[in-house]
Amino acid sequence: MPDWLAAVDWDAPHNLYNAFEAVFWAAVAVALACRPTPRRASGYRWGLVAVLLAFAASDVWELKTGAWWRPWPLCVLKFACGGGGSLLALLWWRAESRGEPAGGANPS
């Protein structure tokens, strides 16, 4: 275990929450990566997977720093992930809801 992780106060509820949140967002990213998606929505899906993994990493970084707003690049990363993830989720949903079957196959 890295020294900085061993130094985390695991009795503090916010640290447990951040650790849970990091695992949760990483699991959502893996589940999303395994989901079949129409070809036209695939780029949005992979972008969303990357954003979710970056957000999970930001929660691990937050464990190290103790606050989401300190240092300022962490705050910028969290806001960028929130905004970018929301936009990509909307674009992915719109592209996927156009009715093309997964894998681009035509139903006969």
Protein backbone atom coordinates (compact mmCIF):
# COMPACT_ATOMS: atom_id res chain seq x y z
CA MET A 1 0.00 0.00 0.00
CA PRO A 2 1.44 3.43 -0.89
CA ASP A 3 2.50 5.58 2.06
CA TRP A 4 0.01 8.35 1.24
CA LEU A 5 -2.83 5.82 1.17
CA ALA A 6 -1.73 4.31 4.47
CA ALA A 7 -1.80 7.82 5.96
CA VAL A 8 -5.50 8.34 5.08
CA ASP A 9 -7.79 8.57 8.11
CA TRP A 10 -10.18 5.74 7.29
CA ASP A 11 -12.35 6.54 10.32
CA ALA A 12 -13.47 9.80 8.68
CA PRO A 13 -16.74 9.21 6.81
CA HIS A 14 -15.81 11.48 3.90
CA ASN A 15 -12.71 9.39 3.16
CA LEU A 16 -14.74 6.18 3.11
CA TYR A 17 -17.26 7.89 0.84
CA ASN A 18 -14.52 9.05 -1.56
CA ALA A 19 -13.02 5.55 -1.69
CA PHE A 20 -16.47 4.07 -2.36
CA GLU A 21 -17.16 6.72 -5.00
CA ALA A 22 -13.87 5.99 -6.80
CA VAL A 23 -14.69 2.28 -6.97
CA PHE A 24 -18.29 3.04 -8.02
CA TRP A 25 -17.34 5.32 -10.94
CA ALA A 26 -14.65 2.90 -12.10
CA ALA A 27 -17.21 0.05 -12.04
CA VAL A 28 -19.71 2.16 -14.01
CA ALA A 29 -16.98 2.90 -16.58
CA VAL A 30 -16.14 -0.81 -16.94
CA ALA A 31 -19.82 -1.74 -17.27
CA LEU A 32 -20.29 0.96 -19.90
CA ALA A 33 -17.22 -0.24 -21.79
CA CYS A 34 -18.68 -3.77 -21.95
CA ARG A 35 -22.08 -2.62 -23.23
CA PRO A 36 -22.88 -3.15 -26.92
CA THR A 37 -23.51 0.19 -28.60
CA PRO A 38 -24.47 1.27 -32.13
CA ARG A 39 -21.47 2.36 -34.19
CA ARG A 40 -22.56 5.99 -34.37
CA ALA A 41 -22.77 6.20 -30.55
CA SER A 42 -19.50 4.34 -29.88
CA GLY A 43 -17.27 7.44 -29.82
CA TYR A 44 -19.48 9.11 -27.24
CA ARG A 45 -19.48 5.96 -25.14
CA TRP A 46 -15.69 5.66 -25.13
CA GLY A 47 -15.37 9.35 -24.31
CA LEU A 48 -17.75 8.87 -21.39
CA VAL A 49 -15.75 5.84 -20.20
CA ALA A 50 -12.59 7.99 -20.19
CA VAL A 51 -14.35 10.80 -18.30
CA LEU A 52 -15.72 8.37 -15.69
CA LEU A 53 -12.27 6.88 -15.14
CA ALA A 54 -10.80 10.38 -14.78
CA PHE A 55 -13.54 11.19 -12.25
CA ALA A 56 -12.71 8.01 -10.30
CA ALA A 57 -9.04 9.03 -10.32
CA SER A 58 -10.01 12.49 -9.04
CA ASP A 59 -11.69 10.83 -6.05
CA VAL A 60 -8.46 8.97 -5.28
CA TRP A 61 -6.59 12.29 -5.60
CA GLU A 62 -9.13 13.81 -3.24
CA LEU A 63 -8.28 11.12 -0.67
CA LYS A 64 -4.69 12.35 -0.81
CA THR A 65 -5.48 16.07 -0.54
CA GLY A 66 -8.46 15.95 1.81
CA ALA A 67 -10.63 18.40 -0.16
CA TRP A 68 -12.11 18.57 -3.65
CA TRP A 69 -11.19 22.25 -4.11
CA ARG A 70 -7.55 21.93 -3.05
CA PRO A 71 -5.33 22.06 -5.11
CA TRP A 72 -7.09 24.06 -7.78
CA PRO A 73 -6.31 21.62 -10.66
CA LEU A 74 -8.34 18.99 -8.79
CA CYS A 75 -11.30 21.37 -8.65
CA VAL A 76 -10.95 22.09 -12.39
CA LEU A 77 -10.74 18.35 -13.13
CA LYS A 78 -13.90 17.63 -11.11
CA PHE A 79 -15.88 20.38 -12.85
CA ALA A 80 -14.57 19.32 -16.29
CA CYS A 81 -15.54 15.71 -15.61
CA GLY A 82 -19.00 16.74 -14.41
CA GLY A 83 -19.71 19.00 -17.38
CA GLY A 84 -18.02 16.83 -19.98
CA GLY A 85 -19.58 13.66 -18.63
CA SER A 86 -23.05 15.21 -18.68
CA LEU A 87 -22.59 16.41 -22.27
CA LEU A 88 -21.19 13.07 -23.46
CA ALA A 89 -23.97 11.14 -21.71
CA LEU A 90 -26.58 13.29 -23.46
CA LEU A 91 -24.91 12.94 -26.87
CA TRP A 92 -24.48 9.17 -26.39
CA TRP A 93 -28.11 8.75 -25.34
CA ARG A 94 -29.33 10.77 -28.36
CA ALA A 95 -27.13 8.82 -30.79
CA GLU A 96 -28.15 5.48 -29.30
CA SER A 97 -31.86 6.25 -29.24
CA ARG A 98 -31.98 6.74 -33.03
CA GLY A 99 -32.85 3.05 -33.34
CA GLU A 100 -29.81 1.52 -35.03
CA PRO A 101 -29.17 -1.99 -33.63
CA ALA A 102 -25.94 -2.66 -31.74
CA GLY A 103 -23.02 -3.52 -34.00
CA GLY A 104 -24.58 -1.76 -36.97
CA ALA A 105 -26.48 -4.91 -38.14
CA ASN A 106 -29.67 -4.43 -40.12
CA PRO A 107 -32.72 -6.31 -38.84
CA SER A 108 -34.32 -8.35 -41.59
